[in-house]
Amino acid sequence: MKKKNVLLLFAALAMAAPASAQWTNYDTQNALRGVFGLANAAIESSERKKEMEILARQKVEFEQSFTDAMTEAKAAEGKEDWEEALQKYEEAAKLNCKYSYTDQRAISQKITSLYTKAGREDDGPSILHNAEVKLADYSSYRYMRENPVFVNKKNANGVKILRVACSNSETRVEMEIEAYSANVSVYIKGDTYIKGNKGGKLGLASVQNMTMAPAKVFIPWPYQKLRFALIFPALPEEAKEFDLIEPSSTWQFKGIKCK
């Protein structure tokens, strides 16, 4: 049924509502809102069904292309042609992210490993620089804790704190985010701050393997992880815990232990 005909039908039903001394203009407006709401729901349901049917047909249509890309990628790996293998796995990943032929996690892991083999350390995505976030030596910090205890009452969208290190010169918070879809963009707001239980707000001083808004870092594929560090001024030595707050976002971590 066409959209116009559906709307006309529901409008007619509304106008046919029983007329009485108690039936007011307010009642009519409510009735119209109800029937038009039902009409819109019916139209959206019909359109959604058509979209799913189209997607199902496309999935069948492109399945062979996905299979060919995976086969060619594995053949290129066997020849140690890493650049060709990377290209073919990425072709397969584009189709898989849309049509879900197989487990995307395994393909993403393969792509990540091939960046290095293909010599893409310098021009590749920031996920290749994850190892640089972890310091070789934390002995100069008075406190260091991996996987610190904290409270996050909101959904932090796959973000977690890996490590906290406090010294007399800085507070270092190392974090990780896992992509939930292809080409996820992330950044940190410049007004992000920490606040200790023994002092006021301390603004963000610098970042590592992350950008400040409006610049963005892109994570190419689902399940790939980006590690980064946020550097703040030093907390008072007597501080026992602190909050990490990015205003107007879900990145709000409370009660992070620092002693």
Protein backbone atom coordinates (compact mmCIF):
# COMPACT_ATOMS: atom_id res chain seq x y z
CA MET A 1 0.00 0.00 0.00
CA LYS A 2 1.40 3.39 -0.94
CA LYS A 3 2.24 5.89 1.77
CA LYS A 4 -0.41 8.38 0.57
CA ASN A 5 -3.15 5.75 0.64
CA VAL A 6 -2.16 4.61 4.14
CA LEU A 7 -2.36 8.17 5.47
CA LEU A 8 -5.74 8.78 3.82
CA LEU A 9 -7.11 5.56 5.32
CA PHE A 10 -6.05 6.41 8.86
CA ALA A 11 -7.26 10.00 8.51
CA ALA A 12 -10.68 8.72 7.41
CA LEU A 13 -10.85 6.41 10.42
CA ALA A 14 -10.04 9.32 12.72
CA MET A 15 -12.73 11.53 11.20
CA ALA A 16 -15.25 8.71 11.59
CA ALA A 17 -14.84 8.74 15.38
CA PRO A 18 -18.16 8.95 17.29
CA ALA A 19 -19.55 12.48 17.53
CA SER A 20 -21.15 13.58 20.80
CA ALA A 21 -21.38 16.58 23.04
CA GLN A 22 -18.41 15.24 24.98
CA TRP A 23 -16.21 14.80 21.89
CA THR A 24 -14.00 17.90 21.77
CA ASN A 25 -11.35 19.31 19.47
CA TYR A 26 -8.77 18.05 21.98
CA ASP A 27 -10.16 14.52 21.58
CA THR A 28 -9.97 14.82 17.81
CA GLN A 29 -6.34 15.96 17.95
CA ASN A 30 -5.43 13.04 20.21
CA ALA A 31 -7.19 10.60 17.89
CA LEU A 32 -5.38 12.01 14.87
CA ARG A 33 -2.05 11.79 16.66
CA GLY A 34 -2.80 8.16 17.47
CA VAL A 35 -3.77 7.10 13.96
CA PHE A 36 -0.96 9.01 12.31
CA GLY A 37 1.43 7.41 14.78
CA LEU A 38 0.12 4.00 13.72
CA ALA A 39 0.42 4.99 10.07
CA ASN A 40 4.02 6.08 10.49
CA ALA A 41 4.84 2.88 12.36
CA ALA A 42 3.29 0.81 9.57
CA ILE A 43 5.23 2.72 6.91
CA GLU A 44 8.52 2.42 8.84
CA SER A 45 7.94 -1.30 9.34
CA SER A 46 7.27 -1.76 5.62
CA GLU A 47 10.35 0.25 4.66
CA ARG A 48 12.49 -1.66 7.15
CA LYS A 49 11.26 -4.95 5.69
CA LYS A 50 12.23 -3.81 2.19
CA GLU A 51 15.70 -2.77 3.43
CA MET A 52 16.23 -6.19 5.00
CA GLU A 53 15.13 -7.93 1.81
CA ILE A 54 17.56 -5.83 -0.25
CA LEU A 55 20.37 -6.55 2.22
CA ALA A 56 19.65 -10.28 2.07
CA ARG A 57 19.81 -10.25 -1.75
CA GLN A 58 23.06 -8.28 -1.67
CA LYS A 59 24.56 -10.69 0.83
CA VAL A 60 23.99 -13.58 -1.58
CA GLU A 61 25.19 -11.48 -4.53
CA PHE A 62 28.52 -10.53 -2.95
CA GLU A 63 29.27 -13.77 -1.11
CA GLN A 64 31.45 -15.05 -3.94
CA SER A 65 33.41 -11.78 -3.99
CA PHE A 66 34.06 -12.20 -0.27
CA THR A 67 35.14 -15.82 -0.71
CA ASP A 68 37.45 -14.90 -3.59
CA ALA A 69 39.06 -12.08 -1.59
CA MET A 70 39.72 -14.39 1.36
CA THR A 71 41.15 -17.10 -0.92
CA GLU A 72 43.43 -14.62 -2.69
CA ALA A 73 44.53 -13.13 0.63
CA LYS A 74 45.59 -16.54 1.97
CA ALA A 75 47.39 -17.34 -1.30
CA ALA A 76 49.29 -14.05 -1.11
CA GLU A 77 50.27 -14.85 2.49
CA GLY A 78 51.65 -18.18 1.32
CA LYS A 79 53.84 -16.33 -1.17
CA GLU A 80 54.80 -13.80 1.54
CA ASP A 81 53.37 -11.02 -0.61
CA TRP A 82 52.29 -9.09 2.47
CA GLU A 83 51.05 -5.96 0.70
CA GLU A 84 48.78 -7.97 -1.61
CA ALA A 85 47.55 -10.08 1.32
CA LEU A 86 46.75 -6.95 3.30
CA GLN A 87 44.83 -5.45 0.39
CA LYS A 88 42.77 -8.61 -0.13
CA TYR A 89 41.97 -9.03 3.57
CA GLU A 90 40.80 -5.42 3.66
CA GLU A 91 38.57 -6.07 0.63
CA ALA A 92 37.09 -9.05 2.45
CA ALA A 93 36.68 -7.02 5.65
CA LYS A 94 34.65 -4.32 3.87
CA LEU A 95 32.18 -6.93 2.66
CA ASN A 96 32.17 -8.82 5.95
CA CYS A 97 31.44 -5.70 8.01
CA LYS A 98 28.33 -5.12 5.90
CA TYR A 99 27.07 -8.66 5.33
CA SER A 100 28.54 -10.71 8.23
CA TYR A 101 29.81 -13.79 6.40
CA THR A 102 32.18 -14.85 9.19
CA ASP A 103 33.84 -13.76 12.43
CA GLN A 104 35.22 -10.26 11.83
CA ARG A 105 37.51 -10.44 14.85
CA ALA A 106 39.79 -12.98 13.13
CA ILE A 107 40.01 -10.89 9.95
CA SER A 108 40.80 -7.72 11.94
CA GLN A 109 43.57 -9.51 13.83
CA LYS A 110 45.03 -10.71 10.54
CA ILE A 111 44.94 -7.18 9.09
CA THR A 112 46.66 -5.76 12.17
CA SER A 113 49.50 -8.28 11.94
CA LEU A 114 49.98 -7.58 8.23
CA TYR A 115 50.46 -3.82 8.67
CA THR A 116 53.87 -4.47 10.15
CA LYS A 117 54.82 -7.20 7.67
CA ALA A 118 53.84 -4.93 4.79
CA GLY A 119 56.15 -2.19 6.11
CA ARG A 120 53.38 0.13 7.15
CA GLU A 121 54.74 1.05 10.60
CA ASP A 122 55.14 4.74 9.76
CA ASP A 123 52.11 5.45 7.59
CA GLY A 124 49.76 2.93 9.14
CA PRO A 125 47.00 3.69 11.64
CA SER A 126 47.67 4.70 15.23
CA ILE A 127 46.92 1.18 16.44
CA LEU A 128 50.45 0.32 15.26
CA HIS A 129 51.87 2.65 17.89
CA ASN A 130 50.13 0.99 20.84
CA ALA A 131 53.40 -0.35 22.23
CA GLU A 132 54.84 3.16 22.49
CA VAL A 133 52.24 4.13 25.09
CA LYS A 134 53.69 1.79 27.71
CA LEU A 135 56.87 3.18 29.26
CA ALA A 136 59.99 1.08 29.60
CA ASP A 137 60.55 2.28 33.16
CA TYR A 138 58.11 3.52 35.80
CA SER A 139 60.64 3.71 38.62
CA SER A 140 60.50 7.52 38.69
CA TYR A 141 56.80 7.43 39.62
CA ARG A 142 55.83 7.25 43.28
CA TYR A 143 52.77 5.17 42.41
CA MET A 144 51.95 2.84 39.51
CA ARG A 145 48.98 0.51 39.24
CA GLU A 146 47.81 -1.65 36.34
CA ASN A 147 44.06 -2.08 35.87
CA PRO A 148 43.23 0.33 38.69
CA VAL A 149 39.97 0.19 40.58
CA PHE A 150 37.43 2.80 39.47
CA VAL A 151 33.71 3.42 39.05
CA ASN A 152 32.03 4.32 35.76
CA LYS A 153 28.27 4.73 35.99
CA LYS A 154 27.88 5.40 32.28
CA ASN A 155 28.67 3.24 29.28
CA ALA A 156 32.22 4.23 28.30
CA ASN A 157 31.87 2.69 24.81
CA GLY A 158 34.60 0.08 25.15
CA VAL A 159 37.08 2.37 26.94
CA LYS A 160 39.05 1.11 29.91
CA ILE A 161 41.96 2.29 32.03
CA LEU A 162 45.03 0.09 31.69
CA ARG A 163 47.47 1.86 33.98
CA VAL A 164 47.82 4.88 36.28
CA ALA A 165 51.21 6.35 37.22
CA CYS A 166 51.68 9.32 39.56
CA SER A 167 54.87 11.29 40.09
CA ASN A 168 55.80 14.70 41.52
CA SER A 169 55.64 16.14 38.00
CA GLU A 170 52.67 14.45 36.30
CA THR A 171 49.72 12.09 36.48
CA ARG A 172 49.73 9.59 33.64
CA VAL A 173 46.58 7.68 32.67
CA GLU A 174 47.03 4.97 30.03
CA MET A 175 43.81 3.82 28.36
CA GLU A 176 42.50 1.54 25.62
CA ILE A 177 39.48 1.65 23.35
CA GLU A 178 38.18 -1.17 21.15
CA ALA A 179 36.40 -0.29 17.91
CA TYR A 180 32.82 -1.52 17.57
CA SER A 181 32.53 -0.89 13.81
CA ALA A 182 34.66 0.02 10.80
CA ASN A 183 36.50 3.35 10.70
CA VAL A 184 35.60 4.50 14.21
CA SER A 185 36.85 8.02 14.98
CA VAL A 186 37.98 9.02 18.47
CA TYR A 187 39.44 12.10 20.12
CA ILE A 188 39.78 13.70 23.54
CA LYS A 189 38.28 17.05 24.44
CA GLY A 190 40.75 19.71 25.48
CA ASP A 191 38.72 20.55 28.60
CA THR A 192 39.12 17.03 30.03
CA TYR A 193 40.40 17.14 33.60
CA ILE A 194 41.17 15.12 36.69
CA LYS A 195 40.08 16.05 40.19
CA GLY A 196 41.64 14.54 43.28
CA ASN A 197 40.07 14.13 46.69
CA LYS A 198 42.78 16.49 48.01
CA GLY A 199 42.76 19.27 45.42
CA GLY A 200 40.95 21.06 42.58
CA LYS A 201 40.67 20.36 38.88
CA LEU A 202 43.82 19.70 36.87
CA GLY A 203 43.52 20.26 33.12
CA LEU A 204 44.82 17.99 30.37
CA ALA A 205 48.47 18.78 29.61
CA SER A 206 49.24 16.46 26.68
CA VAL A 207 48.28 13.22 24.95
CA GLN A 208 50.12 10.28 23.39
CA ASN A 209 48.75 8.30 20.42
CA MET A 210 45.55 10.33 20.61
CA THR A 211 44.40 13.71 19.28
CA MET A 212 42.59 16.61 20.88
CA ALA A 213 39.30 17.68 19.30
CA PRO A 214 38.48 18.59 16.62
CA ALA A 215 41.27 16.40 15.13
CA LYS A 216 40.39 12.69 15.11
CA VAL A 217 42.16 9.34 15.24
CA PHE A 218 40.61 6.57 13.14
CA ILE A 219 40.52 2.88 14.06
CA PRO A 220 40.11 1.05 10.73
CA TRP A 221 38.30 -2.19 11.65
CA PRO A 222 36.04 -3.63 14.37
CA TYR A 223 37.78 -5.25 17.37
CA GLN A 224 41.05 -3.40 16.74
CA LYS A 225 42.29 -1.67 19.89
CA LEU A 226 43.89 1.74 20.27
CA ARG A 227 46.04 2.46 23.30
CA PHE A 228 46.74 6.02 24.34
CA ALA A 229 47.90 8.08 27.31
CA LEU A 230 46.51 11.24 28.88
CA ILE A 231 48.99 13.37 30.81
CA PHE A 232 47.87 15.72 33.58
CA PRO A 233 49.73 17.82 36.19
CA ALA A 234 50.77 16.08 39.39
CA LEU A 235 48.16 15.29 42.00
CA PRO A 236 48.88 16.27 45.61
CA GLU A 237 50.99 13.60 47.27
CA GLU A 238 48.32 13.01 49.91
CA ALA A 239 45.60 12.29 47.29
CA LYS A 240 44.25 8.75 47.57
CA GLU A 241 41.97 8.76 44.53
CA PHE A 242 40.82 10.98 41.68
CA ASP A 243 38.14 11.35 39.02
CA LEU A 244 38.82 11.55 35.28
CA ILE A 245 36.16 13.62 33.51
CA GLU A 246 35.61 14.47 29.86
CA PRO A 247 32.69 16.94 30.04
CA SER A 248 29.51 16.03 28.13
CA SER A 249 30.62 12.48 27.35
CA THR A 250 30.53 8.98 28.80
CA TRP A 251 34.26 9.17 29.61
CA GLN A 252 33.72 9.82 33.30
CA PHE A 253 35.68 7.56 35.62
CA LYS A 254 35.25 8.07 39.34
CA GLY A 255 37.31 7.01 42.35
CA ILE A 256 40.48 5.94 40.49
CA LYS A 257 42.93 4.77 43.15
CA CYS A 258 46.27 6.56 43.19
CA LYS A 259 47.73 5.54 46.53
